[in-house]
Structures are given as structure tokens and as C-alpha cells.
Amino acid sequence: MKAVLIVEDDPDIQSLIATIFSMDPRFSVAGLAETAEDALEIARQTQLDIIVLDDRLAGALTGVEVVPNLKAAAPGAKIILFTAHADVQARVVKQPDIDAFLLKTDTGELLPRAQQLTNMLSLL
């Protein structure tokens, strides 16, 4: 089973993302974090496969700022930057630790992208 960390400070969006991943029994939500700092703590304690990360979070760090630290804490995890702000994409296009960028308007792409990043599409 692939472990997912959802880093999102809006409880409704957190719930939506968790529901999306519950549609594929090969994924399990291993943690929910509202801040980058909480995400780092979970990443250090849990073996993660996917991190769904918002950029604008509660707390001192943004999602983009915490990416290198998340990758260090969970080097095998694929990071999907999932944000409502299209302008963020231009700032992160050269960020090698971000494996995918999706806008929150593209929720239908979240599960297929996670499956692709974890090489599960070939198993369908």
C-alpha cells in the first residue's frame, strides 16, 4: 500500500484529497498536516510514497519553501504541489524536488498523477 501525506490547511480540501485517494485501495492516507512544520515531523516518522502539498499554508513556511526539507526527510516520496495559485508554477518550474504541479481546479488529475508517479498505472 502506498502511503500519502496530505499537507493542506483547509479542512474541506484535506477531506476532498483524502476522499480522492480512498477511491484506490492501493493508497492509504498516512498523515494530515496543516503546516509545513507538521508535515516535516510526519515525514521524519513515516515512510511516505506521495506528498500532496499546498503552497500557502498556516505556519511560518510555505509549501515551496519546505520542499527541500521534505525531500530530505522522505527521499523516496514523490511530491505533488497542489495549489489554487497558478502563479506558483512559474516560480517552481526549476525546482527538481517537485515531481508534479496541479491546480486545485484539476482535482480529477490528482489520483491518476499519483498513480503515474508511483508506477501504478501499468497495474490497472
C-alpha atoms as a PDB file:
ATOM      1  CA  MET A   1       0.000   0.000   0.000  1.00  0.00           C
ATOM      2  CA  LYS A   2       1.265   3.478  -0.894  1.00  0.00           C
ATOM      3  CA  ALA A   3       1.358   5.968   1.995  1.00  0.00           C
ATOM      4  CA  VAL A   4       0.121   9.507   1.332  1.00  0.00           C
ATOM      5  CA  LEU A   5       0.737  12.651   3.367  1.00  0.00           C
ATOM      6  CA  ILE A   6      -1.740  15.487   2.775  1.00  0.00           C
ATOM      7  CA  VAL A   7      -0.342  18.927   3.622  1.00  0.00           C
ATOM      8  CA  GLU A   8      -3.265  21.350   3.456  1.00  0.00           C
ATOM      9  CA  ASP A   9      -4.603  23.858   5.973  1.00  0.00           C
ATOM     10  CA  ASP A  10      -8.187  23.929   4.671  1.00  0.00           C
ATOM     11  CA  PRO A  11     -10.119  21.049   6.298  1.00  0.00           C
ATOM     12  CA  ASP A  12     -12.565  20.808   3.387  1.00  0.00           C
ATOM     13  CA  ILE A  13      -9.735  20.434   0.863  1.00  0.00           C
ATOM     14  CA  GLN A  14      -7.993  17.953   3.182  1.00  0.00           C
ATOM     15  CA  SER A  15     -11.171  15.885   3.225  1.00  0.00           C
ATOM     16  CA  LEU A  16     -11.556  16.104  -0.551  1.00  0.00           C
ATOM     17  CA  ILE A  17      -7.993  14.899  -1.144  1.00  0.00           C
ATOM     18  CA  ALA A  18      -8.442  12.047   1.347  1.00  0.00           C
ATOM     19  CA  THR A  19     -11.665  11.040  -0.408  1.00  0.00           C
ATOM     20  CA  ILE A  20      -9.928  11.055  -3.790  1.00  0.00           C
ATOM     21  CA  PHE A  21      -7.206   8.712  -2.522  1.00  0.00           C
ATOM     22  CA  SER A  22      -9.777   6.444  -0.859  1.00  0.00           C
ATOM     23  CA  MET A  23     -11.047   5.578  -4.360  1.00  0.00           C
ATOM     24  CA  ASP A  24      -7.926   3.469  -4.934  1.00  0.00           C
ATOM     25  CA  PRO A  25      -7.358   0.791  -2.272  1.00  0.00           C
ATOM     26  CA  ARG A  26      -3.635   0.784  -3.085  1.00  0.00           C
ATOM     27  CA  PHE A  27      -3.316   4.180  -1.350  1.00  0.00           C
ATOM     28  CA  SER A  28      -3.649   4.968   2.325  1.00  0.00           C
ATOM     29  CA  VAL A  29      -3.599   8.410   3.940  1.00  0.00           C
ATOM     30  CA  ALA A  30      -0.741   8.116   6.426  1.00  0.00           C
ATOM     31  CA  GLY A  31      -0.997  11.654   7.751  1.00  0.00           C
ATOM     32  CA  LEU A  32      -2.652  15.044   7.611  1.00  0.00           C
ATOM     33  CA  ALA A  33      -0.715  18.240   8.253  1.00  0.00           C
ATOM     34  CA  GLU A  34      -1.879  21.848   8.332  1.00  0.00           C
ATOM     35  CA  THR A  35       1.607  23.377   8.434  1.00  0.00           C
ATOM     36  CA  ALA A  36       4.930  22.711   6.766  1.00  0.00           C
ATOM     37  CA  GLU A  37       6.436  22.122  10.195  1.00  0.00           C
ATOM     38  CA  ASP A  38       3.858  19.408  10.987  1.00  0.00           C
ATOM     39  CA  ALA A  39       4.493  17.848   7.574  1.00  0.00           C
ATOM     40  CA  LEU A  40       8.212  17.607   8.305  1.00  0.00           C
ATOM     41  CA  GLU A  41       7.540  15.874  11.605  1.00  0.00           C
ATOM     42  CA  ILE A  42       5.272  13.305   9.937  1.00  0.00           C
ATOM     43  CA  ALA A  43       7.749  12.803   7.068  1.00  0.00           C
ATOM     44  CA  ARG A  44      10.525  12.036   9.544  1.00  0.00           C
ATOM     45  CA  GLN A  45       8.410   9.400  11.312  1.00  0.00           C
ATOM     46  CA  THR A  46       6.589   7.746   8.402  1.00  0.00           C
ATOM     47  CA  GLN A  47       7.739   6.065   5.222  1.00  0.00           C
ATOM     48  CA  LEU A  48       5.860   8.039   2.573  1.00  0.00           C
ATOM     49  CA  ASP A  49       5.273   7.426  -1.116  1.00  0.00           C
ATOM     50  CA  ILE A  50       3.288  10.552  -2.050  1.00  0.00           C
ATOM     51  CA  ILE A  51       3.147  14.012  -0.502  1.00  0.00           C
ATOM     52  CA  VAL A  52       0.296  16.244  -1.681  1.00  0.00           C
ATOM     53  CA  LEU A  53       1.464  19.726  -0.758  1.00  0.00           C
ATOM     54  CA  ASP A  54      -0.317  23.073  -0.828  1.00  0.00           C
ATOM     55  CA  ASP A  55       1.859  26.160  -1.133  1.00  0.00           C
ATOM     56  CA  ARG A  56       0.067  28.685   1.048  1.00  0.00           C
ATOM     57  CA  LEU A  57      -0.138  27.075   4.456  1.00  0.00           C
ATOM     58  CA  ALA A  58      -0.676  28.131   8.024  1.00  0.00           C
ATOM     59  CA  GLY A  59       2.649  28.462   9.828  1.00  0.00           C
ATOM     60  CA  ALA A  60       5.982  30.090   9.103  1.00  0.00           C
ATOM     61  CA  LEU A  61       6.950  28.194   5.927  1.00  0.00           C
ATOM     62  CA  THR A  62       5.219  27.920   2.568  1.00  0.00           C
ATOM     63  CA  GLY A  63       4.916  24.616   0.767  1.00  0.00           C
ATOM     64  CA  VAL A  64       7.556  25.589  -1.775  1.00  0.00           C
ATOM     65  CA  GLU A  65       9.971  26.615   0.988  1.00  0.00           C
ATOM     66  CA  VAL A  66       9.651  23.266   2.776  1.00  0.00           C
ATOM     67  CA  VAL A  67      10.129  21.079  -0.329  1.00  0.00           C
ATOM     68  CA  PRO A  68      13.907  20.514   0.074  1.00  0.00           C
ATOM     69  CA  ASN A  69      13.451  19.579   3.739  1.00  0.00           C
ATOM     70  CA  LEU A  70      10.558  17.226   2.924  1.00  0.00           C
ATOM     71  CA  LYS A  71      12.652  15.531   0.248  1.00  0.00           C
ATOM     72  CA  ALA A  72      15.489  15.110   2.757  1.00  0.00           C
ATOM     73  CA  ALA A  73      13.108  13.642   5.356  1.00  0.00           C
ATOM     74  CA  ALA A  74      11.321  11.394   2.829  1.00  0.00           C
ATOM     75  CA  PRO A  75      13.723  10.899  -0.096  1.00  0.00           C
ATOM     76  CA  GLY A  76      11.610   8.217  -1.751  1.00  0.00           C
ATOM     77  CA  ALA A  77       8.404  10.238  -1.709  1.00  0.00           C
ATOM     78  CA  LYS A  78       7.023  11.930  -4.792  1.00  0.00           C
ATOM     79  CA  ILE A  79       5.840  15.481  -4.158  1.00  0.00           C
ATOM     80  CA  ILE A  80       2.766  16.861  -5.892  1.00  0.00           C
ATOM     81  CA  LEU A  81       2.403  20.599  -5.436  1.00  0.00           C
ATOM     82  CA  PHE A  82      -1.384  21.065  -5.355  1.00  0.00           C
ATOM     83  CA  THR A  83      -2.359  24.714  -5.188  1.00  0.00           C
ATOM     84  CA  ALA A  84      -5.057  27.182  -6.191  1.00  0.00           C
ATOM     85  CA  HIS A  85      -2.474  29.699  -7.366  1.00  0.00           C
ATOM     86  CA  ALA A  86      -1.296  29.293 -10.966  1.00  0.00           C
ATOM     87  CA  ASP A  87       1.436  31.897 -10.479  1.00  0.00           C
ATOM     88  CA  VAL A  88       3.313  29.454  -8.249  1.00  0.00           C
ATOM     89  CA  GLN A  89       4.073  27.204 -11.225  1.00  0.00           C
ATOM     90  CA  ALA A  90       6.380  29.788 -12.802  1.00  0.00           C
ATOM     91  CA  ARG A  91       8.364  30.029  -9.553  1.00  0.00           C
ATOM     92  CA  VAL A  92       8.829  26.266  -9.158  1.00  0.00           C
ATOM     93  CA  VAL A  93       9.390  25.119 -12.722  1.00  0.00           C
ATOM     94  CA  LYS A  94      13.085  24.568 -11.990  1.00  0.00           C
ATOM     95  CA  GLN A  95      12.559  23.005  -8.552  1.00  0.00           C
ATOM     96  CA  PRO A  96      13.826  19.420  -9.070  1.00  0.00           C
ATOM     97  CA  ASP A  97      12.263  18.091  -5.868  1.00  0.00           C
ATOM     98  CA  ILE A  98       8.698  18.803  -7.054  1.00  0.00           C
ATOM     99  CA  ASP A  99       7.563  15.830  -9.107  1.00  0.00           C
ATOM    100  CA  ALA A 100       4.232  17.260 -10.310  1.00  0.00           C
ATOM    101  CA  PHE A 101       2.269  20.510 -10.255  1.00  0.00           C
ATOM    102  CA  LEU A 102      -1.526  20.555 -10.259  1.00  0.00           C
ATOM    103  CA  LEU A 103      -4.044  23.297  -9.719  1.00  0.00           C
ATOM    104  CA  LYS A 104      -6.865  22.615  -7.299  1.00  0.00           C
ATOM    105  CA  THR A 105      -9.259  23.069 -10.209  1.00  0.00           C
ATOM    106  CA  ASP A 106      -7.751  19.851 -11.640  1.00  0.00           C
ATOM    107  CA  THR A 107      -8.786  17.540  -8.798  1.00  0.00           C
ATOM    108  CA  GLY A 108      -9.679  14.837 -11.316  1.00  0.00           C
ATOM    109  CA  GLU A 109      -5.992  14.617 -12.242  1.00  0.00           C
ATOM    110  CA  LEU A 110      -4.729  14.088  -8.694  1.00  0.00           C
ATOM    111  CA  LEU A 111      -5.218  10.324  -8.376  1.00  0.00           C
ATOM    112  CA  PRO A 112      -4.015   9.479 -11.922  1.00  0.00           C
ATOM    113  CA  ARG A 113      -0.909  11.619 -11.387  1.00  0.00           C
ATOM    114  CA  ALA A 114      -0.166   9.897  -8.070  1.00  0.00           C
ATOM    115  CA  GLN A 115      -0.676   6.511  -9.733  1.00  0.00           C
ATOM    116  CA  GLN A 116       1.667   7.537 -12.531  1.00  0.00           C
ATOM    117  CA  LEU A 117       4.320   8.790 -10.118  1.00  0.00           C
ATOM    118  CA  THR A 118       4.203   5.540  -8.192  1.00  0.00           C
ATOM    119  CA  ASN A 119       4.123   3.455 -11.388  1.00  0.00           C
ATOM    120  CA  MET A 120       0.692   2.034 -10.663  1.00  0.00           C
ATOM    121  CA  LEU A 121      -0.964   2.808 -13.990  1.00  0.00           C
ATOM    122  CA  SER A 122       0.607  -0.248 -15.549  1.00  0.00           C
ATOM    123  CA  LEU A 123      -1.004  -2.364 -12.845  1.00  0.00           C
ATOM    124  CA  LEU A 124      -4.577  -1.270 -13.626  1.00  0.00           C
END
